[in-house]
N, C-alpha and C. Protein backbone atom coordinates (compact mmCIF):
# COMPACT_ATOMS: atom_id res chain seq x y z
N MET A 1 1.00 -0.91 -0.04
CA MET A 1 -0.18 0.09 0.10
C MET A 1 1.12 1.27 -0.38
N ILE A 2 0.26 2.04 -1.02
CA ILE A 2 1.32 3.17 -0.95
C ILE A 2 0.76 4.30 0.48
N TYR A 3 1.86 5.32 0.59
CA TYR A 3 1.62 5.92 1.75
C TYR A 3 2.03 7.69 1.73
N THR A 4 0.85 8.09 1.39
CA THR A 4 0.67 9.42 1.29
C THR A 4 0.98 10.85 2.64
N ASN A 5 1.35 11.13 3.35
CA ASN A 5 1.09 11.74 4.53
C ASN A 5 -0.26 12.67 4.15
N LEU A 6 -1.48 12.87 4.63
CA LEU A 6 -2.66 13.49 4.85
C LEU A 6 -2.64 14.78 6.10
N THR A 7 -1.46 14.71 6.56
CA THR A 7 -1.25 15.75 7.49
C THR A 7 -2.14 17.17 6.49
N ASN A 8 -3.12 18.11 7.49
CA ASN A 8 -2.89 19.41 7.00
C ASN A 8 -4.22 19.24 5.70
N HIS A 9 -4.86 18.01 5.45
CA HIS A 9 -5.68 17.98 4.45
C HIS A 9 -7.08 17.84 4.88
N PHE A 10 -8.19 18.02 4.48
CA PHE A 10 -9.54 17.80 4.56
C PHE A 10 -9.79 16.50 3.96
N LEU A 11 -10.68 15.36 4.66
CA LEU A 11 -11.24 14.67 4.81
C LEU A 11 -12.62 15.18 4.58
N ILE A 12 -13.48 14.47 3.32
CA ILE A 12 -14.81 15.14 2.82
C ILE A 12 -15.65 13.80 2.47
N ALA A 13 -16.48 13.51 3.63
CA ALA A 13 -17.32 12.21 3.41
C ALA A 13 -18.33 12.26 2.14
N MET A 14 -18.20 11.11 1.64
CA MET A 14 -18.74 10.59 0.10
C MET A 14 -20.38 11.12 0.76
N PRO A 15 -21.26 11.18 -0.19
CA PRO A 15 -22.90 10.95 -0.07
C PRO A 15 -22.94 9.58 0.09
N GLY A 16 -22.38 8.53 -0.19
CA GLY A 16 -22.96 7.16 0.08
C GLY A 16 -21.59 6.89 1.91
N LEU A 17 -21.08 7.68 2.15
CA LEU A 17 -20.84 7.61 3.69
C LEU A 17 -21.86 7.17 4.42
N HIS A 18 -22.14 6.31 5.40
CA HIS A 18 -24.08 6.34 6.22
C HIS A 18 -23.25 6.14 7.65
N ASP A 19 -21.82 6.12 7.62
CA ASP A 19 -21.53 6.01 9.59
C ASP A 19 -22.39 7.63 10.23
N PRO A 20 -22.51 7.18 10.91
CA PRO A 20 -23.45 8.10 11.73
C PRO A 20 -22.37 9.22 12.47
N ASN A 21 -20.98 8.86 12.56
CA ASN A 21 -20.08 9.67 13.40
C ASN A 21 -19.33 10.90 11.98
N PHE A 22 -19.40 10.13 11.30
CA PHE A 22 -19.05 10.56 9.73
C PHE A 22 -19.70 11.55 8.89
N GLU A 23 -20.75 10.74 8.44
CA GLU A 23 -22.01 11.07 7.99
C GLU A 23 -21.99 12.59 7.34
N LYS A 24 -21.52 13.30 6.29
CA LYS A 24 -21.19 14.91 5.89
C LYS A 24 -20.91 15.42 6.84
N SER A 25 -19.55 14.47 7.11
CA SER A 25 -18.38 15.43 7.70
C SER A 25 -17.48 16.24 6.60
N VAL A 26 -16.64 16.97 7.81
CA VAL A 26 -15.30 17.33 7.22
C VAL A 26 -14.22 17.05 8.23
N THR A 27 -13.31 16.66 7.75
CA THR A 27 -12.40 16.23 8.80
C THR A 27 -11.35 16.73 8.79
N TYR A 28 -10.63 17.57 9.68
CA TYR A 28 -9.14 17.97 9.52
C TYR A 28 -7.94 17.15 9.97
N ILE A 29 -7.47 16.72 9.14
CA ILE A 29 -6.68 15.62 9.46
C ILE A 29 -5.07 16.41 10.20
N CYS A 30 -4.91 16.47 11.47
CA CYS A 30 -3.60 16.82 12.41
C CYS A 30 -2.65 16.25 12.30
N GLU A 31 -2.65 15.01 12.12
CA GLU A 31 -1.37 14.33 12.12
C GLU A 31 -1.79 12.91 11.65
N HIS A 32 -0.54 12.56 10.21
CA HIS A 32 -0.87 11.25 10.13
C HIS A 32 0.30 10.68 9.82
N THR A 33 0.80 9.71 10.02
CA THR A 33 2.05 8.66 10.05
C THR A 33 1.75 7.47 9.32
N SER A 34 2.80 7.07 8.97
CA SER A 34 2.90 5.03 8.41
C SER A 34 2.52 4.46 9.31
N GLU A 35 3.55 4.54 10.66
CA GLU A 35 3.46 4.14 11.70
C GLU A 35 2.18 4.23 12.48
N HIS A 36 1.61 5.64 13.17
CA HIS A 36 0.62 5.20 13.92
C HIS A 36 -0.87 5.80 13.32
N GLY A 37 -0.68 6.14 11.96
CA GLY A 37 -2.27 6.07 11.82
C GLY A 37 -2.51 7.57 11.77
N ALA A 38 -3.90 8.08 11.85
CA ALA A 38 -4.44 8.94 11.34
C ALA A 38 -5.21 9.38 12.71
N MET A 39 -5.36 11.03 12.75
CA MET A 39 -5.85 11.76 14.38
C MET A 39 -6.39 12.85 13.39
N GLY A 40 -7.61 13.32 13.24
CA GLY A 40 -8.44 14.80 12.67
C GLY A 40 -9.82 15.17 13.82
N ILE A 41 -9.48 15.76 13.44
CA ILE A 41 -10.89 17.37 13.95
C ILE A 41 -12.14 16.87 13.46
N ILE A 42 -12.83 16.50 13.37
CA ILE A 42 -14.21 17.04 12.61
C ILE A 42 -14.86 18.91 13.38
N ILE A 43 -14.93 19.13 11.94
CA ILE A 43 -14.96 20.96 12.21
C ILE A 43 -16.49 21.23 11.88
N ASN A 44 -17.16 20.57 11.50
CA ASN A 44 -19.03 20.69 11.36
C ASN A 44 -19.66 19.93 11.95
N SER A 45 -19.55 19.62 13.15
CA SER A 45 -20.69 19.02 13.61
C SER A 45 -20.59 19.64 14.83
N PRO A 46 -21.50 20.71 15.34
CA PRO A 46 -21.21 21.50 16.54
C PRO A 46 -22.61 20.94 16.93
N LEU A 47 -22.04 21.44 18.41
CA LEU A 47 -22.66 20.50 19.80
C LEU A 47 -23.73 21.33 20.20
N ASP A 48 -24.86 20.84 21.39
CA ASP A 48 -25.32 22.16 22.16
C ASP A 48 -25.00 22.28 23.20
N ILE A 49 -23.57 22.17 23.58
CA ILE A 49 -23.25 22.28 25.00
C ILE A 49 -22.33 24.17 24.60
N PRO A 50 -22.72 24.70 25.81
CA PRO A 50 -22.58 26.24 25.61
C PRO A 50 -20.98 26.20 26.30
N MET A 51 -20.10 26.71 25.89
CA MET A 51 -18.54 26.99 26.23
C MET A 51 -18.63 27.03 28.03
N SER A 52 -19.46 27.87 28.26
CA SER A 52 -19.57 28.06 29.77
C SER A 52 -20.14 27.11 30.46
N GLU A 53 -20.48 25.81 29.92
CA GLU A 53 -20.60 25.05 30.87
C GLU A 53 -19.27 23.95 30.87
N ILE A 54 -18.23 23.97 29.91
CA ILE A 54 -17.50 22.59 30.13
C ILE A 54 -16.21 23.55 30.96
N LEU A 55 -16.47 25.52 30.56
CA LEU A 55 -15.56 26.08 31.91
C LEU A 55 -15.66 25.74 33.00
N GLU A 56 -16.80 25.93 33.30
CA GLU A 56 -17.70 25.49 34.85
C GLU A 56 -16.99 24.14 35.45
N GLN A 57 -17.32 23.48 34.50
CA GLN A 57 -16.79 22.01 34.72
C GLN A 57 -15.71 21.54 35.20
N LEU A 58 -14.48 22.93 34.82
CA LEU A 58 -13.24 22.49 34.80
C LEU A 58 -12.66 23.77 35.90
N ASP A 59 -13.37 24.00 36.14
CA ASP A 59 -13.74 25.75 36.92
C ASP A 59 -12.70 26.61 37.18
N ILE A 60 -12.62 26.56 35.97
CA ILE A 60 -12.63 28.09 35.52
C ILE A 60 -13.17 29.58 35.44
N ASP A 61 -12.90 30.12 35.66
CA ASP A 61 -13.47 31.45 35.40
C ASP A 61 -13.88 32.32 34.57
N HIS A 62 -14.81 32.56 33.89
CA HIS A 62 -15.05 33.40 32.70
C HIS A 62 -16.20 34.57 32.64
N PRO A 63 -16.18 35.75 32.40
CA PRO A 63 -17.32 36.50 32.11
C PRO A 63 -18.32 35.43 30.48
N ILE A 64 -19.37 35.25 31.32
CA ILE A 64 -20.48 34.81 30.04
C ILE A 64 -20.37 35.54 28.63
N ALA A 65 -20.45 36.93 28.92
CA ALA A 65 -20.60 37.83 27.34
C ALA A 65 -19.76 37.12 26.63
N ARG A 66 -18.23 37.33 27.07
CA ARG A 66 -17.10 37.03 26.00
C ARG A 66 -17.00 35.67 25.66
N LEU A 67 -17.91 34.77 25.91
CA LEU A 67 -18.16 33.60 24.88
C LEU A 67 -19.43 32.98 24.20
N GLU A 68 -20.46 34.53 24.34
CA GLU A 68 -21.44 33.97 23.96
C GLU A 68 -21.64 33.42 22.21
N ASN A 69 -20.31 33.44 21.65
CA ASN A 69 -20.82 33.29 20.41
C ASN A 69 -20.00 32.06 19.65
N SER A 70 -19.33 31.09 21.41
CA SER A 70 -18.05 29.95 21.28
C SER A 70 -18.78 28.67 21.06
N ILE A 71 -18.54 28.33 19.74
CA ILE A 71 -19.38 27.23 19.74
C ILE A 71 -18.62 25.51 20.06
N ILE A 72 -19.07 24.96 20.79
CA ILE A 72 -18.22 23.43 21.16
C ILE A 72 -18.57 22.70 19.40
N TYR A 73 -17.58 21.61 18.95
CA TYR A 73 -17.60 20.82 18.30
C TYR A 73 -17.59 19.44 18.37
N LEU A 74 -18.24 18.66 17.93
CA LEU A 74 -17.76 17.35 18.37
C LEU A 74 -16.61 17.15 17.15
N GLY A 75 -15.61 16.74 18.01
CA GLY A 75 -14.28 16.50 16.74
C GLY A 75 -14.65 14.98 16.51
N GLY A 76 -14.94 14.23 17.10
CA GLY A 76 -15.08 12.84 16.59
C GLY A 76 -15.36 11.93 17.93
N PRO A 77 -15.58 10.37 17.28
CA PRO A 77 -15.94 9.45 18.50
C PRO A 77 -15.60 9.05 19.48
N VAL A 78 -14.07 9.41 19.25
CA VAL A 78 -13.07 9.45 20.44
C VAL A 78 -12.34 9.95 21.09
N SER A 79 -12.42 9.49 22.38
CA SER A 79 -11.65 10.37 23.55
C SER A 79 -13.08 11.61 23.65
N SER A 80 -14.60 11.54 23.64
CA SER A 80 -14.83 12.80 23.69
C SER A 80 -15.18 13.54 24.56
N ASP A 81 -14.69 13.22 26.15
CA ASP A 81 -14.76 13.52 27.23
C ASP A 81 -13.18 14.49 26.77
N ARG A 82 -12.19 14.35 26.44
CA ARG A 82 -11.42 15.17 26.16
C ARG A 82 -11.64 16.32 25.28
N GLY A 83 -11.11 17.45 25.61
CA GLY A 83 -10.99 18.66 24.83
C GLY A 83 -9.86 19.24 24.01
N PHE A 84 -10.39 19.50 22.56
CA PHE A 84 -9.15 20.00 21.45
C PHE A 84 -9.57 21.50 21.23
N VAL A 85 -8.31 22.46 20.83
CA VAL A 85 -8.35 23.52 20.17
C VAL A 85 -7.99 23.56 19.06
N LEU A 86 -8.12 23.84 17.92
CA LEU A 86 -7.69 23.61 17.16
C LEU A 86 -7.64 25.08 16.64
N HIS A 87 -6.42 25.91 16.41
CA HIS A 87 -6.38 27.33 16.32
C HIS A 87 -4.99 27.91 15.37
N GLU A 88 -5.18 29.22 15.08
CA GLU A 88 -4.51 29.65 14.31
C GLU A 88 -3.38 29.78 15.31
N SER A 89 -2.04 29.72 14.47
CA SER A 89 -0.71 29.70 15.58
C SER A 89 -0.73 30.89 16.10
N THR A 90 0.05 31.22 16.96
CA THR A 90 0.28 32.59 17.51
C THR A 90 1.47 32.38 18.59
N SER A 91 2.38 33.40 19.28
CA SER A 91 3.27 33.85 19.50
C SER A 91 3.81 33.32 20.92
N THR A 92 1.95 32.91 21.83
CA THR A 92 1.98 32.41 23.42
C THR A 92 2.10 30.82 22.78
N ARG A 93 2.98 30.36 23.70
CA ARG A 93 3.31 28.88 24.50
C ARG A 93 2.45 28.40 24.83
N TRP A 94 1.62 27.28 24.92
CA TRP A 94 0.81 27.01 25.39
C TRP A 94 1.46 25.44 25.66
N ASP A 95 0.83 24.61 26.71
CA ASP A 95 1.87 23.60 27.49
C ASP A 95 1.57 22.60 26.55
N SER A 96 0.47 22.16 25.99
CA SER A 96 0.71 20.70 25.02
C SER A 96 0.12 21.22 23.91
N THR A 97 0.81 21.54 23.10
CA THR A 97 0.62 22.41 21.47
C THR A 97 1.14 21.03 20.18
N LEU A 98 0.41 20.53 19.61
CA LEU A 98 0.93 20.21 17.72
C LEU A 98 0.86 21.27 16.78
N VAL A 99 1.66 21.43 16.43
CA VAL A 99 1.79 22.35 14.96
C VAL A 99 1.84 21.47 13.57
N VAL A 100 0.69 21.71 13.43
CA VAL A 100 -0.09 21.03 12.31
C VAL A 100 1.13 21.86 11.38
N LYS A 101 0.99 22.96 11.03
CA LYS A 101 2.00 23.35 9.53
C LYS A 101 1.79 24.70 10.18
N ASP A 102 2.53 25.11 9.52
CA ASP A 102 2.92 27.17 10.03
C ASP A 102 1.26 27.79 9.16
N GLY A 103 0.67 28.06 10.92
CA GLY A 103 -0.12 28.48 10.72
C GLY A 103 -1.69 28.43 11.36
N ILE A 104 -1.27 26.77 11.98
CA ILE A 104 -2.13 26.03 12.42
C ILE A 104 -1.22 25.00 13.26
N SER A 105 -2.62 24.93 14.70
CA SER A 105 -1.84 24.49 15.73
C SER A 105 -3.10 23.78 16.81
N ILE A 106 -3.03 22.45 16.98
CA ILE A 106 -3.75 21.82 18.05
C ILE A 106 -3.51 22.07 19.25
N THR A 107 -4.07 21.83 20.22
CA THR A 107 -3.84 22.26 21.68
C THR A 107 -4.55 21.40 22.51
N THR A 108 -4.01 21.08 23.47
CA THR A 108 -5.02 20.17 24.38
C THR A 108 -4.84 20.74 26.04
N SER A 109 -4.47 21.52 26.40
CA SER A 109 -3.90 22.01 27.46
C SER A 109 -4.89 22.31 28.45
N ARG A 110 -4.83 23.12 29.27
CA ARG A 110 -6.16 23.49 29.98
C ARG A 110 -5.65 25.40 30.03
N ASP A 111 -4.34 25.38 29.98
CA ASP A 111 -3.67 27.03 29.81
C ASP A 111 -4.43 27.79 28.59
N ILE A 112 -4.90 27.04 27.47
CA ILE A 112 -5.18 27.81 26.47
C ILE A 112 -7.19 28.01 26.79
N LEU A 113 -7.34 27.33 27.06
CA LEU A 113 -9.00 27.54 28.20
C LEU A 113 -9.24 28.50 28.62
N GLN A 114 -8.20 28.79 29.47
CA GLN A 114 -8.01 29.93 30.41
C GLN A 114 -7.17 31.16 29.43
N ALA A 115 -7.01 31.21 28.61
CA ALA A 115 -6.82 32.36 28.06
C ALA A 115 -8.13 32.78 27.42
N ILE A 116 -8.50 31.65 26.60
CA ILE A 116 -9.65 32.03 25.70
C ILE A 116 -10.97 32.78 26.90
N ALA A 117 -10.72 32.04 28.28
CA ALA A 117 -11.89 33.16 29.18
C ALA A 117 -11.68 34.34 29.63
N ARG A 118 -9.78 34.38 29.65
CA ARG A 118 -9.85 35.67 30.00
C ARG A 118 -10.13 36.79 28.40
N GLY A 119 -10.03 36.14 26.99
CA GLY A 119 -10.14 36.90 26.14
C GLY A 119 -8.84 37.02 25.83
N GLU A 120 -7.56 36.30 26.01
CA GLU A 120 -6.61 36.37 25.34
C GLU A 120 -6.00 35.50 24.41
N GLY A 121 -6.92 34.10 24.37
CA GLY A 121 -6.48 33.19 23.43
C GLY A 121 -6.98 33.48 21.89
N PRO A 122 -6.06 32.99 21.31
CA PRO A 122 -6.59 33.01 19.76
C PRO A 122 -7.72 33.48 18.94
N GLU A 123 -7.56 33.95 18.79
CA GLU A 123 -9.09 34.78 17.53
C GLU A 123 -9.49 33.79 17.01
N LYS A 124 -8.55 33.37 15.88
CA LYS A 124 -9.24 31.96 15.21
C LYS A 124 -9.31 30.40 15.89
N ARG A 125 -10.33 29.83 16.34
CA ARG A 125 -10.55 28.88 17.01
C ARG A 125 -11.16 27.70 16.49
N LEU A 126 -11.35 26.45 16.77
CA LEU A 126 -12.51 25.96 17.00
C LEU A 126 -12.41 24.56 18.39
N LEU A 127 -13.02 25.03 19.04
CA LEU A 127 -13.23 23.87 19.95
C LEU A 127 -13.61 22.78 19.91
N ALA A 128 -13.31 21.33 20.23
CA ALA A 128 -13.95 20.29 19.78
C ALA A 128 -13.96 19.15 21.27
N LEU A 129 -14.85 18.47 21.47
CA LEU A 129 -14.77 17.08 22.49
C LEU A 129 -14.46 16.11 20.85
N GLY A 130 -13.12 15.52 21.74
CA GLY A 130 -13.44 13.94 21.03
C GLY A 130 -12.47 14.56 19.83
N TYR A 131 -12.10 13.05 19.10
CA TYR A 131 -11.21 13.36 17.96
C TYR A 131 -11.31 12.55 17.03
N ALA A 132 -10.66 12.23 16.05
CA ALA A 132 -11.04 10.94 14.88
C ALA A 132 -10.00 10.24 14.92
N GLY A 133 -9.47 9.14 14.72
CA GLY A 133 -8.44 8.16 14.71
C GLY A 133 -9.04 7.43 13.73
N TRP A 134 -7.52 6.71 13.09
CA TRP A 134 -7.42 5.91 12.33
C TRP A 134 -6.15 5.11 12.38
N SER A 135 -6.64 3.85 12.69
CA SER A 135 -4.99 3.00 12.84
C SER A 135 -4.07 2.79 11.49
N PRO A 136 -3.13 2.44 11.86
CA PRO A 136 -1.97 2.32 10.68
C PRO A 136 -2.66 2.02 9.21
N GLY A 137 -2.86 2.43 8.34
CA GLY A 137 -3.65 1.44 6.98
C GLY A 137 -4.82 1.63 6.68
N GLN A 138 -5.45 2.04 7.72
CA GLN A 138 -7.13 1.91 8.09
C GLN A 138 -7.72 3.19 7.33
N LEU A 139 -7.37 4.16 7.01
CA LEU A 139 -7.26 5.36 6.61
C LEU A 139 -7.09 5.49 4.95
N GLU A 140 -6.33 5.10 4.45
CA GLU A 140 -5.77 4.56 3.57
C GLU A 140 -6.27 3.42 2.63
N GLN A 141 -7.46 2.13 3.49
CA GLN A 141 -8.45 1.48 2.73
C GLN A 141 -10.01 2.21 2.62
N GLU A 142 -9.50 3.21 3.53
CA GLU A 142 -11.00 4.00 3.51
C GLU A 142 -10.91 4.63 2.37
N LEU A 143 -10.16 5.49 1.73
CA LEU A 143 -10.08 6.00 1.02
C LEU A 143 -10.17 4.93 -0.42
N ALA A 144 -9.08 4.39 -0.50
CA ALA A 144 -9.82 3.27 -1.58
C ALA A 144 -10.62 2.85 -1.77
N ALA A 145 -11.82 2.78 -0.86
CA ALA A 145 -13.28 2.37 -0.64
C ALA A 145 -14.29 3.43 -0.93
N ASN A 146 -13.25 4.21 -1.71
CA ASN A 146 -14.36 6.25 -1.82
C ASN A 146 -15.20 6.14 -0.91
N SER A 147 -14.39 6.29 0.65
CA SER A 147 -15.95 6.60 1.18
C SER A 147 -15.00 7.91 1.76
N TRP A 148 -14.09 8.75 1.28
CA TRP A 148 -13.80 10.11 1.47
C TRP A 148 -13.43 10.62 0.25
N LEU A 149 -13.63 11.93 -0.11
CA LEU A 149 -13.01 13.09 -0.94
C LEU A 149 -11.56 13.32 0.13
N CYS A 150 -10.51 13.75 -0.48
CA CYS A 150 -9.49 14.22 0.00
C CYS A 150 -8.83 15.29 -0.73
N GLY A 151 -8.23 16.46 -0.03
CA GLY A 151 -7.32 17.47 -0.43
C GLY A 151 -6.98 18.35 0.64
N PRO A 152 -6.01 19.30 -0.08
CA PRO A 152 -5.21 20.18 0.98
C PRO A 152 -6.41 20.93 1.82
N ALA A 153 -6.44 21.24 3.13
CA ALA A 153 -7.24 22.28 3.77
C ALA A 153 -7.25 23.73 3.49
N ASP A 154 -8.06 24.18 3.70
CA ASP A 154 -8.36 25.83 3.56
C ASP A 154 -8.88 26.30 4.80
N GLU A 155 -7.49 27.03 5.69
CA GLU A 155 -8.15 27.51 7.10
C GLU A 155 -9.33 28.49 7.00
N THR A 156 -9.68 29.30 5.87
CA THR A 156 -10.76 29.99 5.88
C THR A 156 -11.93 29.49 6.09
N ILE A 157 -11.64 27.79 5.24
CA ILE A 157 -13.25 26.87 5.65
C ILE A 157 -13.05 26.69 7.18
N ILE A 158 -12.53 26.56 8.01
CA ILE A 158 -12.54 25.79 9.15
C ILE A 158 -12.48 26.98 9.81
N PHE A 159 -12.12 28.28 10.25
CA PHE A 159 -12.14 29.43 10.87
C PHE A 159 -13.48 30.50 10.75
N ASP A 160 -13.67 30.43 9.06
CA ASP A 160 -14.42 31.37 8.87
C ASP A 160 -16.07 31.49 8.29
N GLN A 161 -15.84 30.09 7.95
CA GLN A 161 -17.09 29.65 6.73
C GLN A 161 -18.42 28.88 8.11
N PRO A 162 -19.21 29.27 7.82
CA PRO A 162 -20.19 28.69 8.54
C PRO A 162 -20.16 27.21 8.44
N ALA A 163 -20.37 26.70 9.87
CA ALA A 163 -20.58 25.12 10.20
C ALA A 163 -21.66 24.02 9.11
N SER A 164 -22.07 25.05 8.77
CA SER A 164 -23.00 24.17 8.27
C SER A 164 -22.83 24.40 6.29
N GLN A 165 -22.05 25.21 6.11
CA GLN A 165 -21.27 25.23 4.51
C GLN A 165 -20.08 24.26 4.68
N ARG A 166 -19.77 24.18 5.33
CA ARG A 166 -17.98 23.61 5.50
C ARG A 166 -18.20 22.73 4.54
N TRP A 167 -19.10 21.29 4.54
CA TRP A 167 -18.80 19.93 3.58
C TRP A 167 -19.11 20.10 2.23
N GLN A 168 -20.00 21.62 1.88
CA GLN A 168 -20.29 21.79 0.28
C GLN A 168 -18.85 22.55 -0.10
N ALA A 169 -18.51 23.79 1.27
CA ALA A 169 -17.00 24.35 0.74
C ALA A 169 -15.95 23.18 0.33
N ALA A 170 -15.84 22.63 1.35
CA ALA A 170 -14.14 21.80 1.21
C ALA A 170 -14.51 20.74 0.13
N ALA A 171 -15.58 20.40 -0.35
CA ALA A 171 -15.64 19.70 -1.91
C ALA A 171 -15.51 20.80 -2.80
N SER A 172 -16.22 21.90 -2.63
CA SER A 172 -16.36 23.15 -4.22
C SER A 172 -14.52 23.06 -4.36
N ASP A 173 -14.03 23.67 -2.90
CA ASP A 173 -12.33 23.85 -2.96
C ASP A 173 -11.77 22.80 -4.02
N LEU A 174 -12.47 21.60 -4.35
CA LEU A 174 -11.64 20.83 -5.19
C LEU A 174 -12.38 20.68 -5.91
N GLY A 175 -13.14 21.05 -6.81
CA GLY A 175 -13.92 21.41 -7.80
C GLY A 175 -14.78 20.14 -7.85
N VAL A 176 -15.52 19.96 -6.49
CA VAL A 176 -16.71 18.67 -6.66
C VAL A 176 -17.80 19.44 -6.46
N ASP A 177 -19.10 19.24 -7.59
CA ASP A 177 -20.10 19.53 -6.59
C ASP A 177 -20.83 18.01 -5.98
N LEU A 178 -21.26 18.31 -4.86
CA LEU A 178 -21.27 16.94 -3.89
C LEU A 178 -23.00 16.33 -4.05
N SER A 179 -23.83 17.83 -4.89
CA SER A 179 -25.05 17.19 -5.35
C SER A 179 -24.88 16.20 -6.41
N LEU A 180 -23.99 16.54 -6.77
CA LEU A 180 -24.14 15.50 -8.73
C LEU A 180 -23.74 13.89 -8.39
N LEU A 181 -23.26 13.86 -7.00
CA LEU A 181 -22.61 12.47 -6.96
C LEU A 181 -23.49 11.46 -6.01
N SER A 182 -23.32 10.16 -6.67
CA SER A 182 -24.36 9.32 -6.33
C SER A 182 -23.78 8.73 -4.90
N THR A 183 -25.09 8.10 -4.63
CA THR A 183 -24.52 8.12 -2.73
C THR A 183 -24.11 6.25 -2.95
N GLU A 184 -24.19 5.74 -3.89
CA GLU A 184 -23.90 4.22 -4.17
C GLU A 184 -22.78 4.55 -4.22
N THR A 185 -21.23 3.55 -4.12
CA THR A 185 -20.45 3.73 -4.56
C THR A 185 -19.90 2.07 -5.69
N GLY A 186 -19.00 2.62 -5.73
CA GLY A 186 -18.20 1.01 -6.81
C GLY A 186 -17.50 1.04 -7.85
N HIS A 187 -16.69 0.05 -7.94
CA HIS A 187 -15.18 0.24 -8.36
C HIS A 187 -15.35 -0.27 -10.30
N ALA A 188 -14.50 -0.06 -10.61
CA ALA A 188 -14.54 -0.15 -11.97
C ALA A 188 -13.05 -1.29 -12.26
């Protein structure tokens, strides 16, 4: 099997993918190696959980008004009790950050949430509970089975596009109109 590093790519669910965890999803791949598999965050599955509730559970003081527009997303079915902040890279150093590429990082430490609550965190950010994960070779098999479209990620889709438009926008970025694709997959 040929390995291609898909870090900083979108996985766009094909119309025929009916897995309830990934149907009509866009997943941003944060890390992909042949040895460890892949890890990503679903960027278009908002939850009905206010950020204030998350911060209260973590005993982080916060002024409610500052968090009114903060949306929490279901980042994936793995470790859904664990938080991830996908954000623009900044000069601030957080305790636990993975730089995905120049300009985008993912942080899992409490200090970034404290900064967000104080209004000092990254301007562009996506807060998620859980992540999507694939064992070595699993993602490549799913791509070969036509479960996903894959292409380079676009920061504006992650941070600026409304969640409800991200699936179509990510596909359009690749020149694909999802409404023209069949929900059935096949192999020639």
